[in-house]
C-alpha cells in the first residue's frame, strides 16, 4: 500500500508540474478538471495511502479498514484519469486490486492492537 501511495504521489507531482506529459488535454478526461486539481487529488490520496500503509504494517485495525476504502477510491480516481496516461493508470489500478485482496484475505494474520 505504501508503494501505491508513492505511485500516486508521483502521478500527482507530474500532473502539477508537467502538464504536457499526459496524452490528452483535461477536457477529454471523464471528469473535466484541470491537471492542477488532478495533481492535488492524487497527492492527497497518495499521502493517505502511505500513512495507512504504515498503519497496516504495525497492525492497526483502523488502517486495515481505511486501506481497503482508500485503495478502492484510488482505483476509481485512476479509472477516471485513465485517458491521460493509460499504462500508468492500469498499473496503479492493478496494484490497488492486489492491495484490497491482500488486506481483505491476509489481514487477520497481523495481531491488531
Foldseek 3Di string as FASTA:
>chain_A
DLVLLVLLLVQLVCLQPPVPPWDDAQVPFLDRDHSNVLSVVSNVLSVLLNVLVVVLVQAAPVSLVVLLVSLVVLLVSLVRVCRGPPVSSVVSNVVSVVSNCCSVPVSVVGDHD
